N, C-alpha and C. Protein backbone atom coordinates (compact mmCIF):
# COMPACT_ATOMS: atom_id res chain seq x y z
N MET A 1 0.84 -1.19 0.00
CA MET A 1 0.00 0.00 0.00
C MET A 1 0.88 1.25 0.00
N LYS A 2 1.89 1.25 0.83
CA LYS A 2 2.76 2.41 0.94
C LYS A 2 3.51 2.66 -0.36
N HIS A 3 3.93 1.60 -1.03
CA HIS A 3 4.65 1.73 -2.29
C HIS A 3 3.75 2.26 -3.40
N SER A 4 2.51 1.81 -3.43
CA SER A 4 1.60 2.26 -4.49
C SER A 4 1.29 3.75 -4.34
N VAL A 5 1.13 4.23 -3.13
CA VAL A 5 0.89 5.66 -2.91
C VAL A 5 2.11 6.46 -3.35
N PHE A 6 3.29 5.95 -3.04
CA PHE A 6 4.53 6.61 -3.45
C PHE A 6 4.60 6.72 -4.97
N PHE A 7 4.29 5.64 -5.68
CA PHE A 7 4.34 5.66 -7.14
C PHE A 7 3.29 6.59 -7.73
N VAL A 8 2.12 6.65 -7.14
CA VAL A 8 1.07 7.57 -7.63
C VAL A 8 1.52 9.01 -7.47
N VAL A 9 2.12 9.33 -6.34
CA VAL A 9 2.61 10.69 -6.10
C VAL A 9 3.72 11.05 -7.08
N ILE A 10 4.64 10.13 -7.30
CA ILE A 10 5.72 10.37 -8.26
C ILE A 10 5.16 10.54 -9.66
N PHE A 11 4.22 9.70 -10.04
CA PHE A 11 3.61 9.81 -11.37
C PHE A 11 2.91 11.16 -11.54
N PHE A 12 2.18 11.60 -10.53
CA PHE A 12 1.49 12.88 -10.59
C PHE A 12 2.49 14.03 -10.71
N ALA A 13 3.58 13.97 -9.97
CA ALA A 13 4.60 15.01 -10.02
C ALA A 13 5.25 15.06 -11.41
N LEU A 14 5.56 13.91 -11.96
CA LEU A 14 6.17 13.87 -13.30
C LEU A 14 5.19 14.37 -14.36
N THR A 15 3.92 14.09 -14.20
CA THR A 15 2.91 14.59 -15.13
C THR A 15 2.86 16.11 -15.11
N LEU A 16 2.89 16.69 -13.93
CA LEU A 16 2.87 18.15 -13.83
C LEU A 16 4.12 18.76 -14.45
N VAL A 17 5.27 18.14 -14.25
CA VAL A 17 6.51 18.65 -14.82
C VAL A 17 6.49 18.53 -16.33
N ALA A 18 5.98 17.42 -16.86
CA ALA A 18 5.98 17.20 -18.30
C ALA A 18 5.02 18.14 -19.01
N CYS A 19 3.88 18.42 -18.41
CA CYS A 19 2.89 19.27 -19.07
C CYS A 19 3.27 20.74 -19.01
N GLY A 20 3.79 21.18 -17.90
CA GLY A 20 4.20 22.57 -17.78
C GLY A 20 3.01 23.51 -17.81
N LYS A 21 3.30 24.77 -18.12
CA LYS A 21 2.22 25.76 -18.19
C LYS A 21 1.74 25.90 -19.62
N PRO A 22 0.61 26.51 -19.85
CA PRO A 22 0.11 26.70 -21.22
C PRO A 22 1.10 27.50 -22.07
N THR A 23 1.11 27.24 -23.36
CA THR A 23 2.10 27.87 -24.24
C THR A 23 1.54 29.05 -25.02
N ALA A 24 0.38 29.54 -24.65
CA ALA A 24 -0.17 30.71 -25.34
C ALA A 24 0.68 31.93 -25.05
N PRO A 25 0.86 32.78 -26.03
CA PRO A 25 1.67 33.98 -25.78
C PRO A 25 1.01 34.88 -24.74
N GLU A 26 1.81 35.51 -23.92
CA GLU A 26 1.27 36.34 -22.86
C GLU A 26 0.65 37.63 -23.41
N SER A 27 1.15 38.10 -24.53
CA SER A 27 0.63 39.35 -25.09
C SER A 27 -0.17 39.07 -26.37
N ALA A 28 -1.12 38.16 -26.28
CA ALA A 28 -1.93 37.82 -27.45
C ALA A 28 -2.81 39.01 -27.83
N SER A 29 -2.85 39.30 -29.12
CA SER A 29 -3.72 40.38 -29.60
C SER A 29 -4.56 39.84 -30.75
N SER A 30 -5.69 40.46 -30.97
CA SER A 30 -6.59 40.01 -32.04
C SER A 30 -6.50 40.92 -33.26
N ASP A 31 -5.38 41.64 -33.43
CA ASP A 31 -5.23 42.54 -34.57
C ASP A 31 -5.25 41.79 -35.89
N ASN A 32 -4.67 40.59 -35.94
CA ASN A 32 -4.58 39.83 -37.17
C ASN A 32 -5.67 38.78 -37.29
N TYR A 33 -6.67 38.83 -36.44
CA TYR A 33 -7.74 37.83 -36.47
C TYR A 33 -8.51 37.92 -37.78
N GLY A 34 -8.70 36.82 -38.44
CA GLY A 34 -9.43 36.79 -39.71
C GLY A 34 -8.55 37.01 -40.92
N THR A 35 -7.24 36.95 -40.75
CA THR A 35 -6.35 37.08 -41.90
C THR A 35 -5.56 35.79 -42.07
N THR A 36 -5.00 35.64 -43.26
CA THR A 36 -4.17 34.48 -43.53
C THR A 36 -2.79 34.71 -42.94
N HIS A 37 -1.92 33.70 -43.06
CA HIS A 37 -0.56 33.85 -42.56
C HIS A 37 0.22 34.89 -43.35
N GLU A 38 -0.29 35.27 -44.54
CA GLU A 38 0.35 36.30 -45.36
C GLU A 38 -0.21 37.69 -45.08
N GLY A 39 -1.22 37.77 -44.20
CA GLY A 39 -1.80 39.06 -43.86
C GLY A 39 -2.97 39.47 -44.74
N LYS A 40 -3.37 38.59 -45.67
CA LYS A 40 -4.49 38.88 -46.56
C LYS A 40 -5.80 38.50 -45.88
N PRO A 41 -6.90 39.17 -46.24
CA PRO A 41 -8.19 38.79 -45.64
C PRO A 41 -8.58 37.36 -46.01
N ALA A 42 -9.20 36.67 -45.08
CA ALA A 42 -9.64 35.30 -45.33
C ALA A 42 -10.80 35.30 -46.32
N GLU A 43 -10.89 34.25 -47.11
CA GLU A 43 -11.94 34.14 -48.12
C GLU A 43 -12.69 32.83 -47.94
N GLY A 44 -13.90 32.78 -48.51
CA GLY A 44 -14.68 31.55 -48.49
C GLY A 44 -15.19 31.22 -47.11
N ARG A 45 -15.10 29.95 -46.75
CA ARG A 45 -15.65 29.51 -45.47
C ARG A 45 -14.83 30.02 -44.28
N ASN A 46 -13.62 30.52 -44.52
CA ASN A 46 -12.78 31.04 -43.45
C ASN A 46 -12.99 32.54 -43.22
N GLU A 47 -13.86 33.13 -44.01
CA GLU A 47 -14.12 34.57 -43.89
C GLU A 47 -14.87 34.86 -42.59
N LEU A 48 -14.59 36.01 -42.01
CA LEU A 48 -15.27 36.40 -40.79
C LEU A 48 -16.75 36.67 -41.07
N PRO A 49 -17.64 36.27 -40.18
CA PRO A 49 -19.07 36.56 -40.40
C PRO A 49 -19.32 38.07 -40.31
N GLY A 50 -20.33 38.51 -41.06
CA GLY A 50 -20.72 39.91 -41.02
C GLY A 50 -20.09 40.75 -42.12
N LYS A 51 -19.37 40.12 -43.02
CA LYS A 51 -18.76 40.89 -44.12
C LYS A 51 -19.56 40.71 -45.38
């Protein structure tokens, strides 16, 4: 019993270390939202609604 609790704790700790924190940029902005990677407006089904 004592060994299984130890292994669960170690597994949980390793999981937290492996996952880390989220990788989203801290200064995310929506200035380029709705554009392609080239900066052009999206077309077709990728176009923003309301245009």
